[in-house]
Amino acid sequence: MKYTELVDSGATPTEIQTFLVGSENVPVTMRIPRNLRDAAKEAAALKGMSLTSFVKMCLIEKLSEEY
């Protein structure tokens, strides 16, 4: 099943979150401004997490919002 199919079917945010975290990890490389990276690292540290965990959390939150 794809993410868009879940959204189209009216899945709950919890069902979407479960789908998003229920797969293997893959490497991702992206280029962002240094200031954005540094700010995100600081925000992650304030929450007691790594930058990777913070980015995952932000993506899951955004992708599981109701449309």
N, C-alpha and C. Protein backbone atom coordinates (compact mmCIF):
# COMPACT_ATOMS: atom_id res chain seq x y z
N MET A 1 0.85 -1.17 0.00
CA MET A 1 0.00 0.00 0.00
C MET A 1 0.90 1.24 0.00
N LYS A 2 0.46 2.30 -0.65
CA LYS A 2 1.19 3.55 -0.73
C LYS A 2 0.59 4.57 0.24
N TYR A 3 1.39 5.58 0.57
CA TYR A 3 0.94 6.66 1.44
C TYR A 3 -0.31 7.33 0.88
N THR A 4 -0.32 7.63 -0.42
CA THR A 4 -1.46 8.32 -1.02
C THR A 4 -2.74 7.47 -0.94
N GLU A 5 -2.59 6.17 -1.03
CA GLU A 5 -3.75 5.29 -0.91
C GLU A 5 -4.34 5.36 0.50
N LEU A 6 -3.45 5.44 1.50
CA LEU A 6 -3.92 5.58 2.88
C LEU A 6 -4.70 6.87 3.06
N VAL A 7 -4.14 7.97 2.56
CA VAL A 7 -4.80 9.27 2.68
C VAL A 7 -6.14 9.25 1.97
N ASP A 8 -6.16 8.71 0.75
CA ASP A 8 -7.41 8.66 -0.02
C ASP A 8 -8.47 7.77 0.63
N SER A 9 -8.03 6.77 1.37
CA SER A 9 -8.98 5.85 2.00
C SER A 9 -9.54 6.39 3.31
N GLY A 10 -9.03 7.53 3.76
CA GLY A 10 -9.52 8.12 5.00
C GLY A 10 -8.91 7.52 6.25
N ALA A 11 -7.68 7.02 6.15
CA ALA A 11 -7.00 6.42 7.30
C ALA A 11 -6.83 7.47 8.40
N THR A 12 -6.82 7.00 9.63
CA THR A 12 -6.63 7.90 10.77
C THR A 12 -5.16 8.30 10.86
N PRO A 13 -4.86 9.39 11.56
CA PRO A 13 -3.45 9.77 11.75
C PRO A 13 -2.63 8.65 12.38
N THR A 14 -3.20 7.90 13.30
CA THR A 14 -2.48 6.80 13.93
C THR A 14 -2.15 5.70 12.91
N GLU A 15 -3.08 5.39 12.04
CA GLU A 15 -2.83 4.38 11.00
C GLU A 15 -1.73 4.85 10.05
N ILE A 16 -1.75 6.13 9.72
CA ILE A 16 -0.72 6.68 8.83
C ILE A 16 0.64 6.64 9.51
N GLN A 17 0.70 7.03 10.78
CA GLN A 17 1.96 6.99 11.52
C GLN A 17 2.52 5.57 11.59
N THR A 18 1.65 4.61 11.84
CA THR A 18 2.08 3.22 11.89
C THR A 18 2.67 2.78 10.56
N PHE A 19 2.02 3.17 9.48
CA PHE A 19 2.52 2.85 8.14
C PHE A 19 3.90 3.48 7.91
N LEU A 20 4.06 4.75 8.29
CA LEU A 20 5.30 5.47 8.02
C LEU A 20 6.51 4.91 8.75
N VAL A 21 6.32 4.36 9.94
CA VAL A 21 7.45 3.84 10.70
C VAL A 21 7.64 2.33 10.52
N GLY A 22 6.73 1.68 9.81
CA GLY A 22 6.75 0.23 9.71
C GLY A 22 7.53 -0.33 8.54
N SER A 23 8.70 0.20 8.26
CA SER A 23 9.49 -0.30 7.15
C SER A 23 10.97 -0.19 7.50
N GLU A 24 11.82 -0.71 6.63
CA GLU A 24 13.26 -0.65 6.89
C GLU A 24 13.78 0.78 6.67
N ASN A 25 14.89 1.08 7.32
CA ASN A 25 15.53 2.39 7.15
C ASN A 25 16.36 2.39 5.86
N VAL A 26 16.38 3.53 5.19
CA VAL A 26 17.19 3.71 3.99
C VAL A 26 17.97 5.00 4.13
N PRO A 27 19.16 5.07 3.54
CA PRO A 27 19.95 6.31 3.62
C PRO A 27 19.36 7.39 2.72
N VAL A 28 19.44 8.62 3.19
CA VAL A 28 18.97 9.78 2.42
C VAL A 28 20.03 10.87 2.52
N THR A 29 20.36 11.45 1.40
CA THR A 29 21.30 12.58 1.38
C THR A 29 20.55 13.77 0.80
N MET A 30 20.66 14.90 1.49
CA MET A 30 20.04 16.12 0.98
C MET A 30 20.91 17.31 1.32
N ARG A 31 20.77 18.33 0.52
CA ARG A 31 21.53 19.55 0.74
C ARG A 31 20.60 20.63 1.24
N ILE A 32 20.96 21.19 2.39
CA ILE A 32 20.18 22.28 2.98
C ILE A 32 21.15 23.36 3.43
N PRO A 33 20.68 24.58 3.60
CA PRO A 33 21.57 25.64 4.07
C PRO A 33 22.15 25.30 5.45
N ARG A 34 23.38 25.68 5.66
CA ARG A 34 24.07 25.40 6.93
C ARG A 34 23.29 25.95 8.12
N ASN A 35 22.76 27.16 7.97
CA ASN A 35 22.01 27.77 9.08
C ASN A 35 20.79 26.93 9.44
N LEU A 36 20.11 26.38 8.44
CA LEU A 36 18.96 25.52 8.69
C LEU A 36 19.39 24.26 9.41
N ARG A 37 20.46 23.65 8.97
CA ARG A 37 20.98 22.45 9.63
C ARG A 37 21.36 22.73 11.07
N ASP A 38 22.08 23.83 11.29
CA ASP A 38 22.52 24.17 12.64
C ASP A 38 21.33 24.45 13.56
N ALA A 39 20.33 25.16 13.04
CA ALA A 39 19.14 25.44 13.84
C ALA A 39 18.40 24.15 14.18
N ALA A 40 18.29 23.25 13.22
CA ALA A 40 17.62 21.98 13.45
C ALA A 40 18.38 21.13 14.47
N LYS A 41 19.71 21.16 14.41
CA LYS A 41 20.51 20.42 15.39
C LYS A 41 20.28 20.97 16.79
N GLU A 42 20.21 22.30 16.91
CA GLU A 42 19.96 22.93 18.20
C GLU A 42 18.57 22.57 18.72
N ALA A 43 17.56 22.61 17.85
CA ALA A 43 16.20 22.26 18.24
C ALA A 43 16.13 20.81 18.69
N ALA A 44 16.82 19.93 17.97
CA ALA A 44 16.85 18.51 18.34
C ALA A 44 17.51 18.33 19.71
N ALA A 45 18.62 19.02 19.93
CA ALA A 45 19.32 18.91 21.21
C ALA A 45 18.44 19.39 22.36
N LEU A 46 17.67 20.45 22.14
CA LEU A 46 16.76 20.94 23.18
C LEU A 46 15.72 19.89 23.55
N LYS A 47 15.38 19.03 22.60
CA LYS A 47 14.40 17.96 22.84
C LYS A 47 15.10 16.66 23.28
N GLY A 48 16.42 16.69 23.37
CA GLY A 48 17.17 15.51 23.80
C GLY A 48 17.23 14.41 22.75
N MET A 49 17.26 14.81 21.48
CA MET A 49 17.29 13.81 20.42
C MET A 49 18.33 14.18 19.37
N SER A 50 18.62 13.23 18.50
CA SER A 50 19.56 13.47 17.41
C SER A 50 18.86 14.23 16.28
N LEU A 51 19.65 14.79 15.39
CA LEU A 51 19.09 15.47 14.23
C LEU A 51 18.26 14.50 13.39
N THR A 52 18.75 13.29 13.20
CA THR A 52 18.02 12.30 12.42
C THR A 52 16.65 12.00 13.04
N SER A 53 16.62 11.78 14.34
CA SER A 53 15.35 11.52 15.02
C SER A 53 14.41 12.70 14.92
N PHE A 54 14.96 13.91 15.03
CA PHE A 54 14.15 15.12 14.93
C PHE A 54 13.52 15.26 13.54
N VAL A 55 14.32 15.01 12.51
CA VAL A 55 13.81 15.09 11.14
C VAL A 55 12.73 14.04 10.92
N LYS A 56 12.96 12.81 11.38
CA LYS A 56 11.95 11.75 11.25
C LYS A 56 10.65 12.17 11.95
N MET A 57 10.78 12.70 13.17
CA MET A 57 9.60 13.12 13.92
C MET A 57 8.83 14.20 13.17
N CYS A 58 9.55 15.19 12.63
CA CYS A 58 8.90 16.27 11.88
C CYS A 58 8.19 15.74 10.64
N LEU A 59 8.82 14.84 9.92
CA LEU A 59 8.20 14.26 8.72
C LEU A 59 6.96 13.46 9.07
N ILE A 60 7.04 12.65 10.13
CA ILE A 60 5.89 11.84 10.53
C ILE A 60 4.73 12.75 10.95
N GLU A 61 5.03 13.78 11.73
CA GLU A 61 3.98 14.74 12.14
C GLU A 61 3.30 15.37 10.93
N LYS A 62 4.11 15.86 10.01
CA LYS A 62 3.56 16.54 8.84
C LYS A 62 2.76 15.59 7.95
N LEU A 63 3.27 14.40 7.73
CA LEU A 63 2.62 13.45 6.83
C LEU A 63 1.38 12.79 7.44
N SER A 64 1.22 12.88 8.75
CA SER A 64 0.04 12.27 9.37
C SER A 64 -1.02 13.30 9.73
N GLU A 65 -0.81 14.56 9.36
CA GLU A 65 -1.84 15.57 9.57
C GLU A 65 -3.04 15.27 8.67
N GLU A 66 -4.21 15.65 9.14
CA GLU A 66 -5.41 15.46 8.33
C GLU A 66 -5.46 16.53 7.26
N TYR A 67 -5.90 16.13 6.08
CA TYR A 67 -5.98 17.06 4.95
C TYR A 67 -7.33 17.69 4.87
